[in-house]
Amino acid sequence: MSITPQTPNEPQPANGPPQPTIEIRIPDESDWLASLSMLPRFILQPFSLSAVAVVGAIVLGVFGDTWPAAGSLVAAVALLIIGLRGTPKDAVGALVGGSSYRPVSALSVAASVDHAGLTFGQGGQLSAVQAICFLHLYVREGGSVGRSRTIPVDYFVDLMTAALVPSHLECLKQELVSHIRRTGDMTAITTAAGPKRGNALLLAAVARELKLEPLFVKERPLFGKMIEGIGGRPKRAMLVDDIASDGELLVHCVTTLRQDGYEVKEAFVLIDRREGDALDALAQEGVSLRALYSLGDQELESIAAIGRRSTTV
């Protein structure tokens, strides 16, 4: 599959942080309830025993006396409580929510990347941005991103961590700055703004390269302010972030900036997730979303396959 940069107006999903690795804690012996749960956990999970007790209660209720059935039901509830109390919260979350995101690449996330992709001939078929995506790509079947609504995605790109690697941040900055200069209208632009919980390092680097004032838009007021930055009278701003997905966060930025007197007409991101609605959501606000790449799970799966094939010794 050919993966090429997208034209100025195309869509993309945001990626929510991979779930943490689950660490099963052995209960402290002083915790009698947790200690009690150790026996059924190593022999038969309390949840399984609870299910058996429920079945027993039903059978006794149909074919036996009421009191034994009630006793079985009480035992089922007690076993369920013991299981929940004795099992770490992270493990319960994994039981309900599924397995964690797994890294796609076996290489170090700090592997060197330049304009030709991964150095030393690794990942040579990938562009620089695609190579960084490969190094910071995670997969989880049945995963999702989104704030107020759920967007199903199996692949998650962690460009926040990528921005902590100097060579990766430099590469992402140069690619995004070139994209902005090539596709954007920089006339009278004074400010590069973005969500505070977005990629702040990338935003600051892009603003510095373009000699613009950086602004961060908060989701709720802090010290009576929704906007953080150093500058004068509001003028014309453009939105900058690494990835756009559900669009809700960027729309919030547009609304907040306009309420503070800024004119906003364009948003620039490296990746627009195809599964999301950022393109349409911003268009409804009169803002053009200009993404360097439009990637969905299918394209990210292709990047993963190319990266694995190219980096296999």
Protein backbone atom coordinates (compact mmCIF):
# COMPACT_ATOMS: atom_id res chain seq x y z
CA MET A 1 0.00 0.00 0.00
CA SER A 2 1.30 3.43 -0.92
CA ILE A 3 1.19 5.94 1.93
CA THR A 4 1.59 9.52 0.79
CA PRO A 5 1.19 12.88 2.49
CA GLN A 6 -2.36 14.15 2.34
CA THR A 7 -3.53 17.21 0.54
CA PRO A 8 -4.36 20.28 2.67
CA ASN A 9 -7.86 19.20 3.70
CA GLU A 10 -8.19 15.61 4.96
CA PRO A 11 -9.33 13.81 8.18
CA GLN A 12 -7.69 11.90 11.13
CA PRO A 13 -8.12 10.45 14.80
CA ALA A 14 -6.39 11.48 17.95
CA ASN A 15 -4.74 8.91 19.83
CA GLY A 16 -5.30 8.44 23.53
CA PRO A 17 -2.32 7.23 25.63
CA PRO A 18 -1.61 3.51 25.72
CA GLN A 19 -2.91 1.77 28.79
CA PRO A 20 -0.33 1.15 31.52
CA THR A 21 1.26 -2.24 32.02
CA ILE A 22 -0.64 -4.19 34.63
CA GLU A 23 1.29 -5.19 37.71
CA ILE A 24 -0.42 -7.78 39.89
CA ARG A 25 0.23 -6.93 43.55
CA ILE A 26 0.57 -9.76 46.05
CA PRO A 27 -1.61 -8.74 49.01
CA ASP A 28 0.07 -7.88 52.26
CA GLU A 29 -0.30 -10.65 54.86
CA SER A 30 -1.66 -8.10 57.32
CA ASP A 31 -4.66 -7.53 55.10
CA TRP A 32 -6.85 -10.45 56.11
CA LEU A 33 -9.39 -9.90 53.36
CA ALA A 34 -6.70 -9.78 50.67
CA SER A 35 -4.99 -12.81 52.20
CA LEU A 36 -8.27 -14.69 52.17
CA SER A 37 -8.58 -14.02 48.46
CA MET A 38 -5.18 -15.58 47.81
CA LEU A 39 -6.48 -19.14 48.11
CA PRO A 40 -9.27 -18.92 45.55
CA ARG A 41 -7.10 -16.79 43.26
CA PHE A 42 -4.45 -19.44 42.98
CA ILE A 43 -6.89 -22.35 42.79
CA LEU A 44 -10.03 -20.95 41.21
CA GLN A 45 -10.74 -17.24 40.70
CA PRO A 46 -13.31 -15.84 43.18
CA PHE A 47 -15.26 -14.60 40.17
CA SER A 48 -15.50 -18.14 38.82
CA LEU A 49 -16.56 -19.48 42.22
CA SER A 50 -19.16 -16.73 42.43
CA ALA A 51 -20.58 -17.76 39.06
CA VAL A 52 -20.73 -21.39 40.22
CA ALA A 53 -22.54 -20.29 43.38
CA VAL A 54 -25.10 -18.34 41.31
CA VAL A 55 -25.76 -21.42 39.18
CA GLY A 56 -26.10 -23.46 42.36
CA ALA A 57 -28.60 -20.96 43.77
CA ILE A 58 -30.70 -21.20 40.60
CA VAL A 59 -30.67 -25.01 40.62
CA LEU A 60 -31.56 -25.17 44.32
CA GLY A 61 -34.27 -22.57 43.83
CA VAL A 62 -35.88 -24.64 41.08
CA PHE A 63 -35.40 -28.15 42.44
CA GLY A 64 -34.68 -27.68 46.13
CA ASP A 65 -35.55 -25.61 49.16
CA THR A 66 -35.55 -21.83 49.38
CA TRP A 67 -33.03 -21.51 52.22
CA PRO A 68 -30.17 -23.42 50.53
CA ALA A 69 -30.78 -21.35 47.40
CA ALA A 70 -30.60 -18.14 49.42
CA GLY A 71 -27.41 -19.38 51.08
CA SER A 72 -25.82 -20.06 47.70
CA LEU A 73 -26.79 -16.58 46.50
CA VAL A 74 -25.23 -14.99 49.59
CA ALA A 75 -22.07 -17.04 49.02
CA ALA A 76 -21.96 -15.83 45.40
CA VAL A 77 -22.13 -12.20 46.51
CA ALA A 78 -19.49 -12.77 49.20
CA LEU A 79 -17.11 -14.43 46.75
CA LEU A 80 -17.60 -11.60 44.27
CA ILE A 81 -16.79 -9.01 46.95
CA ILE A 82 -13.68 -10.95 48.03
CA GLY A 83 -12.53 -11.16 44.42
CA LEU A 84 -13.03 -7.45 43.79
CA ARG A 85 -11.43 -6.40 47.08
CA GLY A 86 -8.46 -8.73 46.71
CA THR A 87 -7.75 -7.97 43.05
CA PRO A 88 -5.74 -4.81 42.22
CA LYS A 89 -7.72 -2.06 40.51
CA ASP A 90 -5.48 -2.18 37.44
CA ALA A 91 -6.18 -5.88 37.06
CA VAL A 92 -9.93 -5.30 37.35
CA GLY A 93 -9.62 -2.59 34.71
CA ALA A 94 -7.81 -4.98 32.42
CA LEU A 95 -10.46 -7.64 33.05
CA VAL A 96 -13.20 -5.20 32.03
CA GLY A 97 -11.40 -3.17 29.40
CA GLY A 98 -9.20 -5.75 27.75
CA SER A 99 -5.45 -6.02 27.25
CA SER A 100 -2.99 -3.14 27.12
CA TYR A 101 -1.59 -1.50 24.04
CA ARG A 102 1.54 -3.29 22.82
CA PRO A 103 4.49 -1.61 21.06
CA VAL A 104 4.73 -2.48 17.38
CA SER A 105 8.46 -1.85 16.96
CA ALA A 106 11.18 -3.88 18.63
CA LEU A 107 13.60 -0.97 18.18
CA SER A 108 14.33 1.63 20.84
CA VAL A 109 11.84 4.50 20.77
CA ALA A 110 14.90 6.79 20.68
CA ALA A 111 16.33 5.24 17.48
CA SER A 112 17.81 7.95 15.24
CA VAL A 113 15.63 9.31 12.45
CA ASP A 114 16.55 11.75 9.70
CA HIS A 115 14.95 13.05 6.50
CA ALA A 116 15.45 9.63 4.89
CA GLY A 117 13.67 7.75 7.64
CA LEU A 118 15.39 5.46 10.10
CA THR A 119 19.16 5.63 9.86
CA PHE A 120 21.52 2.74 9.08
CA GLY A 121 19.23 1.61 6.28
CA GLN A 122 16.43 0.68 8.68
CA GLY A 123 12.89 1.45 7.58
CA GLY A 124 14.19 2.95 4.35
CA GLN A 125 10.81 2.70 2.66
CA LEU A 126 9.24 4.95 5.26
CA SER A 127 9.38 8.74 5.28
CA ALA A 128 10.81 10.46 8.35
CA VAL A 129 7.38 11.05 9.90
CA GLN A 130 6.26 7.52 9.09
CA ALA A 131 9.46 6.13 10.64
CA ILE A 132 8.78 8.08 13.85
CA CYS A 133 5.19 6.81 13.82
CA PHE A 134 6.54 3.26 13.53
CA LEU A 135 8.87 3.73 16.52
CA HIS A 136 6.03 5.14 18.64
CA LEU A 137 3.20 2.95 17.37
CA TYR A 138 1.09 0.77 19.67
CA VAL A 139 -1.61 -1.76 18.86
CA ARG A 140 -4.53 -3.15 20.79
CA GLU A 141 -7.42 -4.96 19.17
CA GLY A 142 -10.67 -3.30 20.20
CA GLY A 143 -9.00 -0.09 21.42
CA SER A 144 -10.56 3.37 21.25
CA VAL A 145 -9.88 7.08 21.54
CA GLY A 146 -12.10 10.09 22.12
CA ARG A 147 -13.33 12.31 24.91
CA SER A 148 -17.14 12.52 25.05
CA ARG A 149 -17.61 9.82 22.39
CA THR A 150 -15.74 6.64 21.60
CA ILE A 151 -13.88 6.23 18.32
CA PRO A 152 -12.78 2.60 17.77
CA VAL A 153 -9.12 2.33 16.71
CA ASP A 154 -6.65 -0.53 17.01
CA TYR A 155 -3.50 1.55 16.48
CA PHE A 156 -2.30 4.45 18.63
CA VAL A 157 0.54 6.84 17.68
CA ASP A 158 2.32 8.37 20.68
CA LEU A 159 3.92 11.52 19.27
CA MET A 160 3.98 13.04 22.78
CA THR A 161 6.77 10.63 23.69
CA ALA A 162 8.37 11.18 20.27
CA ALA A 163 8.67 14.89 21.08
CA LEU A 164 10.85 13.99 24.09
CA VAL A 165 13.48 12.54 21.74
CA PRO A 166 15.50 15.53 20.40
CA SER A 167 16.07 14.12 16.90
CA HIS A 168 12.41 13.13 16.59
CA LEU A 169 11.16 16.53 17.76
CA GLU A 170 13.48 18.27 15.29
CA CYS A 171 12.22 16.09 12.47
CA LEU A 172 8.55 16.56 13.37
CA LYS A 173 9.07 20.32 13.69
CA GLN A 174 10.74 20.64 10.29
CA GLU A 175 8.11 18.52 8.56
CA LEU A 176 5.23 20.48 10.10
CA VAL A 177 6.82 23.89 9.47
CA SER A 178 7.43 22.98 5.82
CA HIS A 179 3.83 21.80 5.55
CA ILE A 180 2.53 25.05 7.06
CA ARG A 181 4.62 27.22 4.74
CA ARG A 182 3.60 25.15 1.73
CA THR A 183 -0.16 24.95 2.33
CA GLY A 184 -1.10 27.73 4.75
CA ASP A 185 -1.91 31.40 4.46
CA MET A 186 0.58 33.06 6.78
CA THR A 187 -0.70 36.56 6.07
CA ALA A 188 -0.96 38.50 9.33
CA ILE A 189 -0.56 35.33 11.44
CA THR A 190 0.87 36.35 14.80
CA THR A 191 0.12 33.34 17.00
CA ALA A 192 0.47 29.56 17.02
CA ALA A 193 -2.07 28.13 19.46
CA GLY A 194 -2.94 24.64 20.57
CA PRO A 195 -4.54 22.64 23.38
CA LYS A 196 -2.50 22.58 26.57
CA ARG A 197 -2.97 18.83 26.82
CA GLY A 198 -1.84 18.50 23.19
CA ASN A 199 1.76 18.28 22.02
CA ALA A 200 3.12 21.36 23.80
CA LEU A 201 6.76 20.68 22.86
CA LEU A 202 5.93 20.49 19.17
CA LEU A 203 3.77 23.62 19.33
CA ALA A 204 6.53 25.61 21.05
CA ALA A 205 9.15 24.41 18.54
CA VAL A 206 6.98 25.29 15.54
CA ALA A 207 6.13 28.72 16.95
CA ARG A 208 9.81 29.44 17.58
CA GLU A 209 10.77 28.37 14.04
CA LEU A 210 8.04 30.56 12.49
CA LYS A 211 8.74 33.42 14.91
CA LEU A 212 5.17 33.35 16.23
CA GLU A 213 3.78 33.77 19.73
CA PRO A 214 2.88 30.38 21.29
CA LEU A 215 -0.41 30.08 23.17
CA PHE A 216 -1.88 27.19 25.11
CA VAL A 217 -5.63 26.81 25.46
CA LYS A 218 -6.82 25.15 28.67
CA GLU A 219 -9.90 23.00 29.04
CA ARG A 220 -10.95 24.82 32.22
CA PRO A 221 -9.86 28.11 33.79
CA LEU A 222 -6.75 28.23 35.95
CA PHE A 223 -6.01 31.44 37.86
CA GLY A 224 -9.01 32.92 36.08
CA LYS A 225 -7.56 32.37 32.59
CA MET A 226 -8.39 29.98 29.76
CA ILE A 227 -5.35 30.96 27.68
CA GLU A 228 -1.67 30.84 28.63
CA GLY A 229 0.91 32.81 26.71
CA ILE A 230 3.03 35.92 26.51
CA GLY A 231 1.86 38.49 24.03
CA GLY A 232 -0.02 41.64 23.35
CA ARG A 233 -3.37 42.37 21.82
CA PRO A 234 -5.10 39.34 20.22
CA LYS A 235 -4.73 39.17 16.46
CA ARG A 236 -4.76 36.21 14.07
CA ALA A 237 -3.93 32.69 15.24
CA MET A 238 -3.50 29.29 13.68
CA LEU A 239 -3.99 26.01 15.50
CA VAL A 240 -1.07 23.58 15.73
CA ASP A 241 -1.00 20.04 17.12
CA ASP A 242 0.46 16.64 16.30
CA ILE A 243 -2.68 14.54 15.73
CA ALA A 244 -6.36 15.32 15.24
CA SER A 245 -9.06 12.75 15.91
CA ASP A 246 -12.47 13.46 17.42
CA GLY A 247 -12.15 17.22 16.78
CA GLU A 248 -13.76 18.19 20.07
CA LEU A 249 -10.54 19.48 21.65
CA LEU A 250 -9.58 21.58 18.61
CA VAL A 251 -13.09 23.01 18.34
CA HIS A 252 -12.85 24.01 22.00
CA CYS A 253 -9.60 25.82 21.18
CA VAL A 254 -11.23 27.69 18.29
CA THR A 255 -14.19 28.77 20.44
CA THR A 256 -11.98 29.89 23.33
CA LEU A 257 -9.58 31.83 21.11
CA ARG A 258 -12.41 33.62 19.32
CA GLN A 259 -14.02 34.54 22.61
CA ASP A 260 -10.70 36.12 23.57
CA GLY A 261 -10.59 38.16 20.37
CA TYR A 262 -8.45 36.00 18.08
CA GLU A 263 -9.25 35.30 14.45
CA VAL A 264 -8.82 31.59 13.62
CA LYS A 265 -9.18 30.16 10.12
CA GLU A 266 -6.69 27.29 9.82
CA ALA A 267 -5.47 24.30 11.83
CA PHE A 268 -2.31 22.33 11.04
CA VAL A 269 -1.49 18.81 12.22
CA LEU A 270 0.95 16.11 11.22
CA ILE A 271 -1.67 13.38 11.18
CA ASP A 272 -5.42 13.42 10.78
CA ARG A 273 -6.92 10.11 11.92
CA ARG A 274 -9.41 8.90 9.30
CA GLU A 275 -11.68 7.33 11.91
CA GLY A 276 -12.32 10.69 13.56
CA ASP A 277 -14.42 13.72 12.71
CA ALA A 278 -11.90 16.53 13.22
CA LEU A 279 -12.08 17.65 9.58
CA ASP A 280 -15.87 18.02 9.61
CA ALA A 281 -16.04 19.40 13.15
CA LEU A 282 -13.59 22.20 12.35
CA ALA A 283 -15.23 22.89 8.98
CA GLN A 284 -18.49 23.59 10.82
CA GLU A 285 -16.58 26.31 12.70
CA GLY A 286 -15.21 27.79 9.48
CA VAL A 287 -11.71 26.39 10.10
CA SER A 288 -9.73 24.44 7.48
CA LEU A 289 -7.85 21.41 8.81
CA ARG A 290 -4.60 20.92 6.92
CA ALA A 291 -2.92 17.62 7.74
CA LEU A 292 0.38 16.36 6.35
CA TYR A 293 -0.90 12.77 6.50
CA SER A 294 -4.36 11.25 6.75
CA LEU A 295 -3.92 7.88 8.46
CA GLY A 296 -6.35 5.28 9.66
CA ASP A 297 -5.79 1.83 11.12
CA GLN A 298 -5.28 0.40 7.64
CA GLU A 299 -2.45 2.82 6.80
CA LEU A 300 -0.85 2.41 10.22
CA GLU A 301 -0.98 -1.36 9.83
CA SER A 302 0.86 -0.94 6.53
CA ILE A 303 3.48 1.28 8.20
CA ALA A 304 3.90 -1.36 10.90
CA ALA A 305 4.40 -4.10 8.29
CA ILE A 306 6.92 -2.06 6.29
CA GLY A 307 8.79 -1.06 9.44
CA ARG A 308 9.01 -4.61 10.76
CA ARG A 309 10.14 -5.94 7.38
CA SER A 310 12.77 -3.22 6.94
CA THR A 311 14.21 -3.56 10.43
CA THR A 312 14.40 -7.36 10.54
CA VAL A 313 18.01 -8.44 10.55
